[in-house]
Amino acid sequence: MYNGVNLVKGKDYTVNGNTYTFTAEFIKTLEAGSHKITFDMASGSDPVFTLTVKGDAPSITIPKVGNTKTTLTIGNPSMTVGEVSIQMDVAPYIDPTTGRTLVPVRFIATALGISDNNISWNSENRTVTIIHGGKIVVLAIDSNVVKVTKNGVTVEVIIDQPAVITNDRTFVPFRAVAEIFDCLVGWDETTKTVSLEK
């Protein structure tokens, strides 16, 4: 539902299993800015998503409600937040040198309900800054040092896998960043699935 009007399946969005995809035609009707969309679920609470339109590249921010588990499988661009499946534009991968899982910074942001306004990229310094939960986290590309500021105090955290740029996208070490934001992290070796729970 958008602005009190039920969206039309097939015209405004499509469904494939648990994945809901907004059509280009629907996105084109939206002005730049944020738009609240409510899904009427058969059971449980109805999730409200914020669809942010920026030029031709809309992004979805999912607000955190309670302890929602987020999962992502290596090599698969689809992520699951609670019971909702979301298609990302790139897939996580394992760095062959360190054996660490790297995920697009957007994965961490979506999983934690971080808005686009709280993520910034500094091309001069090659750093990505994430603000969430009273913390300011600065990761420098190809650096093992992460600066974490909380209550005006900055500490340096040493990680064994730096953030990297792959195919013009910023990837961050999943476990290190998730743990900096006090999340529980899981790994299923059989399915190659990582999970995050706040």
C-alpha atoms as a PDB file:
ATOM      1  CA  MET A   1       0.000   0.000   0.000  1.00  0.00           C
ATOM      2  CA  TYR A   2       1.327   3.424  -0.964  1.00  0.00           C
ATOM      3  CA  ASN A   3      -0.399   6.688   0.030  1.00  0.00           C
ATOM      4  CA  GLY A   4      -3.502   4.720   1.022  1.00  0.00           C
ATOM      5  CA  VAL A   5      -3.753   3.028  -2.388  1.00  0.00           C
ATOM      6  CA  ASN A   6      -3.210  -0.695  -2.927  1.00  0.00           C
ATOM      7  CA  LEU A   7      -0.433  -1.383  -5.416  1.00  0.00           C
ATOM      8  CA  VAL A   8      -1.290  -3.668  -8.319  1.00  0.00           C
ATOM      9  CA  LYS A   9       0.593  -6.942  -8.573  1.00  0.00           C
ATOM     10  CA  GLY A  10       2.119  -7.315 -12.035  1.00  0.00           C
ATOM     11  CA  LYS A  11       1.816  -3.598 -12.763  1.00  0.00           C
ATOM     12  CA  ASP A  12       3.486  -1.950  -9.750  1.00  0.00           C
ATOM     13  CA  TYR A  13       5.408  -4.936  -8.427  1.00  0.00           C
ATOM     14  CA  THR A  14       6.130  -8.599  -9.078  1.00  0.00           C
ATOM     15  CA  VAL A  15       6.510 -11.526  -6.687  1.00  0.00           C
ATOM     16  CA  ASN A  16       8.905 -14.437  -7.010  1.00  0.00           C
ATOM     17  CA  GLY A  17       8.812 -16.639  -3.900  1.00  0.00           C
ATOM     18  CA  ASN A  18       9.575 -14.243  -1.026  1.00  0.00           C
ATOM     19  CA  THR A  19      11.046 -11.566  -3.303  1.00  0.00           C
ATOM     20  CA  TYR A  20       8.999  -8.457  -4.071  1.00  0.00           C
ATOM     21  CA  THR A  21      10.355  -6.330  -6.929  1.00  0.00           C
ATOM     22  CA  PHE A  22       9.027  -2.867  -7.756  1.00  0.00           C
ATOM     23  CA  THR A  23       8.602  -2.310 -11.489  1.00  0.00           C
ATOM     24  CA  ALA A  24      10.425   0.433 -13.372  1.00  0.00           C
ATOM     25  CA  GLU A  25       7.024   1.872 -14.323  1.00  0.00           C
ATOM     26  CA  PHE A  26       6.066   2.276 -10.650  1.00  0.00           C
ATOM     27  CA  ILE A  27       9.452   3.732  -9.690  1.00  0.00           C
ATOM     28  CA  LYS A  28       9.158   6.316 -12.490  1.00  0.00           C
ATOM     29  CA  THR A  29       5.917   7.642 -10.935  1.00  0.00           C
ATOM     30  CA  LEU A  30       7.744   8.600  -7.744  1.00  0.00           C
ATOM     31  CA  GLU A  31       9.391  11.934  -7.164  1.00  0.00           C
ATOM     32  CA  ALA A  32      12.869  12.110  -5.655  1.00  0.00           C
ATOM     33  CA  GLY A  33      12.721  11.624  -1.892  1.00  0.00           C
ATOM     34  CA  SER A  34      11.454   9.018   0.566  1.00  0.00           C
ATOM     35  CA  HIS A  35       8.204   7.089   0.193  1.00  0.00           C
ATOM     36  CA  LYS A  36       6.611   4.794   2.800  1.00  0.00           C
ATOM     37  CA  ILE A  37       5.241   1.493   1.511  1.00  0.00           C
ATOM     38  CA  THR A  38       3.316  -0.901   3.774  1.00  0.00           C
ATOM     39  CA  PHE A  39       3.028  -4.640   3.141  1.00  0.00           C
ATOM     40  CA  ASP A  40      -0.165  -6.250   4.460  1.00  0.00           C
ATOM     41  CA  MET A  41       1.051  -9.589   5.821  1.00  0.00           C
ATOM     42  CA  ALA A  42      -1.244 -12.530   6.567  1.00  0.00           C
ATOM     43  CA  SER A  43       0.254 -12.937  10.029  1.00  0.00           C
ATOM     44  CA  GLY A  44       2.417 -10.857  12.344  1.00  0.00           C
ATOM     45  CA  SER A  45       3.004  -7.132  12.068  1.00  0.00           C
ATOM     46  CA  ASP A  46       2.848  -5.342   8.733  1.00  0.00           C
ATOM     47  CA  PRO A  47       6.362  -4.160   7.786  1.00  0.00           C
ATOM     48  CA  VAL A  48       6.765  -0.610   6.532  1.00  0.00           C
ATOM     49  CA  PHE A  49       9.566  -0.008   4.039  1.00  0.00           C
ATOM     50  CA  THR A  50      11.073   3.291   3.022  1.00  0.00           C
ATOM     51  CA  LEU A  51      11.771   3.521  -0.701  1.00  0.00           C
ATOM     52  CA  THR A  52      14.260   6.317  -1.396  1.00  0.00           C
ATOM     53  CA  VAL A  53      14.427   7.601  -4.960  1.00  0.00           C
ATOM     54  CA  LYS A  54      17.661   9.286  -6.055  1.00  0.00           C
ATOM     55  CA  GLY A  55      17.716   9.935  -9.785  1.00  0.00           C
ATOM     56  CA  ASP A  56      17.595   6.532 -11.480  1.00  0.00           C
ATOM     57  CA  ALA A  57      18.907   4.523  -8.525  1.00  0.00           C
ATOM     58  CA  PRO A  58      16.283   3.847  -5.860  1.00  0.00           C
ATOM     59  CA  SER A  59      17.316   2.084  -2.673  1.00  0.00           C
ATOM     60  CA  ILE A  60      15.328   0.361   0.042  1.00  0.00           C
ATOM     61  CA  THR A  61      15.896   0.913   3.744  1.00  0.00           C
ATOM     62  CA  ILE A  62      14.349  -1.592   6.110  1.00  0.00           C
ATOM     63  CA  PRO A  63      13.764  -0.302   9.627  1.00  0.00           C
ATOM     64  CA  LYS A  64      14.869  -2.628  12.414  1.00  0.00           C
ATOM     65  CA  VAL A  65      12.100  -4.045  14.577  1.00  0.00           C
ATOM     66  CA  GLY A  66      13.250  -6.179  17.503  1.00  0.00           C
ATOM     67  CA  ASN A  67      15.794  -8.906  16.814  1.00  0.00           C
ATOM     68  CA  THR A  68      15.565  -9.458  13.082  1.00  0.00           C
ATOM     69  CA  LYS A  69      17.899 -12.009  11.552  1.00  0.00           C
ATOM     70  CA  THR A  70      19.492 -11.184   8.216  1.00  0.00           C
ATOM     71  CA  THR A  71      21.099 -13.841   6.010  1.00  0.00           C
ATOM     72  CA  LEU A  72      23.159 -13.726   2.843  1.00  0.00           C
ATOM     73  CA  THR A  73      24.734 -16.561   0.838  1.00  0.00           C
ATOM     74  CA  ILE A  74      28.139 -16.326  -0.806  1.00  0.00           C
ATOM     75  CA  GLY A  75      27.782 -15.714  -4.544  1.00  0.00           C
ATOM     76  CA  ASN A  76      24.044 -14.926  -4.287  1.00  0.00           C
ATOM     77  CA  PRO A  77      22.875 -11.281  -4.520  1.00  0.00           C
ATOM     78  CA  SER A  78      19.615 -12.045  -2.682  1.00  0.00           C
ATOM     79  CA  MET A  79      19.464 -11.302   1.050  1.00  0.00           C
ATOM     80  CA  THR A  80      16.753 -12.154   3.560  1.00  0.00           C
ATOM     81  CA  VAL A  81      15.754  -9.764   6.361  1.00  0.00           C
ATOM     82  CA  GLY A  82      13.375 -11.543   8.714  1.00  0.00           C
ATOM     83  CA  GLU A  83      10.946 -13.167   6.283  1.00  0.00           C
ATOM     84  CA  VAL A  84      11.446 -10.665   3.469  1.00  0.00           C
ATOM     85  CA  SER A  85      13.803 -11.378   0.550  1.00  0.00           C
ATOM     86  CA  ILE A  86      15.576  -8.433  -1.078  1.00  0.00           C
ATOM     87  CA  GLN A  87      17.552  -8.495  -4.309  1.00  0.00           C
ATOM     88  CA  MET A  88      20.888  -6.696  -4.012  1.00  0.00           C
ATOM     89  CA  ASP A  89      22.833  -5.657  -7.106  1.00  0.00           C
ATOM     90  CA  VAL A  90      26.042  -7.492  -6.143  1.00  0.00           C
ATOM     91  CA  ALA A  91      26.826 -10.702  -4.240  1.00  0.00           C
ATOM     92  CA  PRO A  92      29.143 -11.267  -1.282  1.00  0.00           C
ATOM     93  CA  TYR A  93      32.323 -13.246  -1.806  1.00  0.00           C
ATOM     94  CA  ILE A  94      35.178 -14.804   0.154  1.00  0.00           C
ATOM     95  CA  ASP A  95      38.592 -13.174  -0.202  1.00  0.00           C
ATOM     96  CA  PRO A  96      40.892 -15.965  -1.444  1.00  0.00           C
ATOM     97  CA  THR A  97      43.878 -14.570   0.491  1.00  0.00           C
ATOM     98  CA  THR A  98      42.323 -14.026   3.939  1.00  0.00           C
ATOM     99  CA  GLY A  99      39.357 -16.395   3.747  1.00  0.00           C
ATOM    100  CA  ARG A 100      37.145 -13.596   5.080  1.00  0.00           C
ATOM    101  CA  THR A 101      33.642 -12.846   3.849  1.00  0.00           C
ATOM    102  CA  LEU A 102      33.282  -9.499   2.089  1.00  0.00           C
ATOM    103  CA  VAL A 103      29.860  -7.929   1.638  1.00  0.00           C
ATOM    104  CA  PRO A 104      28.740  -4.726  -0.074  1.00  0.00           C
ATOM    105  CA  VAL A 105      28.494  -1.895   2.445  1.00  0.00           C
ATOM    106  CA  ARG A 106      24.813  -1.623   1.434  1.00  0.00           C
ATOM    107  CA  PHE A 107      24.204  -5.099   2.926  1.00  0.00           C
ATOM    108  CA  ILE A 108      25.337  -3.988   6.377  1.00  0.00           C
ATOM    109  CA  ALA A 109      23.311  -0.785   6.045  1.00  0.00           C
ATOM    110  CA  THR A 110      20.127  -2.573   4.992  1.00  0.00           C
ATOM    111  CA  ALA A 111      20.512  -5.244   7.661  1.00  0.00           C
ATOM    112  CA  LEU A 112      20.868  -2.621  10.391  1.00  0.00           C
ATOM    113  CA  GLY A 113      18.255  -0.211   9.011  1.00  0.00           C
ATOM    114  CA  ILE A 114      20.844   2.497   8.332  1.00  0.00           C
ATOM    115  CA  SER A 115      19.621   5.248   6.004  1.00  0.00           C
ATOM    116  CA  ASP A 116      21.596   6.536   3.016  1.00  0.00           C
ATOM    117  CA  ASN A 117      22.136   9.788   4.936  1.00  0.00           C
ATOM    118  CA  ASN A 118      24.236   7.896   7.490  1.00  0.00           C
ATOM    119  CA  ILE A 119      26.655   6.394   4.974  1.00  0.00           C
ATOM    120  CA  SER A 120      29.167   8.527   3.133  1.00  0.00           C
ATOM    121  CA  TRP A 121      32.077   8.009   0.770  1.00  0.00           C
ATOM    122  CA  ASN A 122      35.138  10.271   0.711  1.00  0.00           C
ATOM    123  CA  SER A 123      36.842   9.753  -2.646  1.00  0.00           C
ATOM    124  CA  GLU A 124      39.857  11.874  -1.701  1.00  0.00           C
ATOM    125  CA  ASN A 125      40.684   9.835   1.420  1.00  0.00           C
ATOM    126  CA  ARG A 126      39.116   6.630   0.048  1.00  0.00           C
ATOM    127  CA  THR A 127      37.105   6.107   3.231  1.00  0.00           C
ATOM    128  CA  VAL A 128      33.558   4.998   3.937  1.00  0.00           C
ATOM    129  CA  THR A 129      31.841   6.358   7.053  1.00  0.00           C
ATOM    130  CA  ILE A 130      28.883   4.611   8.692  1.00  0.00           C
ATOM    131  CA  ILE A 131      26.918   6.266  11.502  1.00  0.00           C
ATOM    132  CA  HIS A 132      24.684   4.027  13.611  1.00  0.00           C
ATOM    133  CA  GLY A 133      23.822   3.257  17.222  1.00  0.00           C
ATOM    134  CA  GLY A 134      25.755   6.228  18.595  1.00  0.00           C
ATOM    135  CA  LYS A 135      28.910   5.162  16.747  1.00  0.00           C
ATOM    136  CA  ILE A 136      30.808   6.712  13.851  1.00  0.00           C
ATOM    137  CA  VAL A 137      32.793   4.029  12.033  1.00  0.00           C
ATOM    138  CA  VAL A 138      35.383   4.999   9.406  1.00  0.00           C
ATOM    139  CA  LEU A 139      36.884   2.299   7.190  1.00  0.00           C
ATOM    140  CA  ALA A 140      39.719   3.196   4.836  1.00  0.00           C
ATOM    141  CA  ILE A 141      40.084   1.162   1.665  1.00  0.00           C
ATOM    142  CA  ASP A 142      42.999  -1.320   1.905  1.00  0.00           C
ATOM    143  CA  SER A 143      43.648  -0.435   5.572  1.00  0.00           C
ATOM    144  CA  ASN A 144      43.445  -2.817   8.534  1.00  0.00           C
ATOM    145  CA  VAL A 145      42.669   0.065  10.910  1.00  0.00           C
ATOM    146  CA  VAL A 146      39.055   1.070  11.585  1.00  0.00           C
ATOM    147  CA  LYS A 147      38.345   4.257  13.531  1.00  0.00           C
ATOM    148  CA  VAL A 148      35.362   3.977  15.867  1.00  0.00           C
ATOM    149  CA  THR A 149      34.050   7.085  17.646  1.00  0.00           C
ATOM    150  CA  LYS A 150      31.505   6.871  20.457  1.00  0.00           C
ATOM    151  CA  ASN A 151      30.639   9.636  22.923  1.00  0.00           C
ATOM    152  CA  GLY A 152      33.426  11.784  21.453  1.00  0.00           C
ATOM    153  CA  VAL A 153      36.118   9.161  22.087  1.00  0.00           C
ATOM    154  CA  THR A 154      37.864   7.609  19.067  1.00  0.00           C
ATOM    155  CA  VAL A 155      39.592   4.228  19.221  1.00  0.00           C
ATOM    156  CA  GLU A 156      41.393   2.333  16.501  1.00  0.00           C
ATOM    157  CA  VAL A 157      40.284  -1.247  15.912  1.00  0.00           C
ATOM    158  CA  ILE A 158      42.652  -3.563  14.050  1.00  0.00           C
ATOM    159  CA  ILE A 159      40.921  -5.962  11.640  1.00  0.00           C
ATOM    160  CA  ASP A 160      42.474  -8.786   9.613  1.00  0.00           C
ATOM    161  CA  GLN A 161      40.598  -7.942   6.403  1.00  0.00           C
ATOM    162  CA  PRO A 162      40.455  -4.376   5.071  1.00  0.00           C
ATOM    163  CA  ALA A 163      37.610  -2.850   3.107  1.00  0.00           C
ATOM    164  CA  VAL A 164      38.211  -3.116  -0.647  1.00  0.00           C
ATOM    165  CA  ILE A 165      36.790  -1.843  -3.907  1.00  0.00           C
ATOM    166  CA  THR A 166      35.668  -4.599  -6.267  1.00  0.00           C
ATOM    167  CA  ASN A 167      34.021  -3.759  -9.604  1.00  0.00           C
ATOM    168  CA  ASP A 168      33.594  -0.128  -8.490  1.00  0.00           C
ATOM    169  CA  ARG A 169      31.715  -1.176  -5.328  1.00  0.00           C
ATOM    170  CA  THR A 170      32.852  -0.881  -1.717  1.00  0.00           C
ATOM    171  CA  PHE A 171      32.999  -4.219   0.091  1.00  0.00           C
ATOM    172  CA  VAL A 172      33.584  -4.470   3.832  1.00  0.00           C
ATOM    173  CA  PRO A 173      34.575  -7.412   6.040  1.00  0.00           C
ATOM    174  CA  PHE A 174      31.268  -8.836   7.256  1.00  0.00           C
ATOM    175  CA  ARG A 175      32.241 -10.146  10.694  1.00  0.00           C
ATOM    176  CA  ALA A 176      34.422  -7.191  11.700  1.00  0.00           C
ATOM    177  CA  VAL A 177      31.855  -4.511  10.825  1.00  0.00           C
ATOM    178  CA  ALA A 178      28.905  -6.472  12.244  1.00  0.00           C
ATOM    179  CA  GLU A 179      30.722  -6.985  15.556  1.00  0.00           C
ATOM    180  CA  ILE A 180      31.704  -3.300  15.744  1.00  0.00           C
ATOM    181  CA  PHE A 181      27.944  -2.577  15.702  1.00  0.00           C
ATOM    182  CA  ASP A 182      27.396  -5.195  18.463  1.00  0.00           C
ATOM    183  CA  CYS A 183      25.667  -7.742  16.227  1.00  0.00           C
ATOM    184  CA  LEU A 184      25.658 -11.515  16.602  1.00  0.00           C
ATOM    185  CA  VAL A 185      27.318 -13.125  13.594  1.00  0.00           C
ATOM    186  CA  GLY A 186      26.778 -16.619  12.241  1.00  0.00           C
ATOM    187  CA  TRP A 187      28.340 -18.761   9.516  1.00  0.00           C
ATOM    188  CA  ASP A 188      26.956 -21.949   7.978  1.00  0.00           C
ATOM    189  CA  GLU A 189      29.834 -23.749   6.242  1.00  0.00           C
ATOM    190  CA  THR A 190      27.516 -26.195   4.463  1.00  0.00           C
ATOM    191  CA  THR A 191      25.378 -23.566   2.738  1.00  0.00           C
ATOM    192  CA  LYS A 192      28.041 -20.807   2.726  1.00  0.00           C
ATOM    193  CA  THR A 193      25.563 -18.507   4.435  1.00  0.00           C
ATOM    194  CA  VAL A 194      26.385 -15.619   6.740  1.00  0.00           C
ATOM    195  CA  SER A 195      23.893 -14.236   9.224  1.00  0.00           C
ATOM    196  CA  LEU A 196      23.605 -11.116  11.332  1.00  0.00           C
ATOM    197  CA  GLU A 197      21.303 -10.522  14.285  1.00  0.00           C
ATOM    198  CA  LYS A 198      21.039  -7.323  16.278  1.00  0.00           C
END
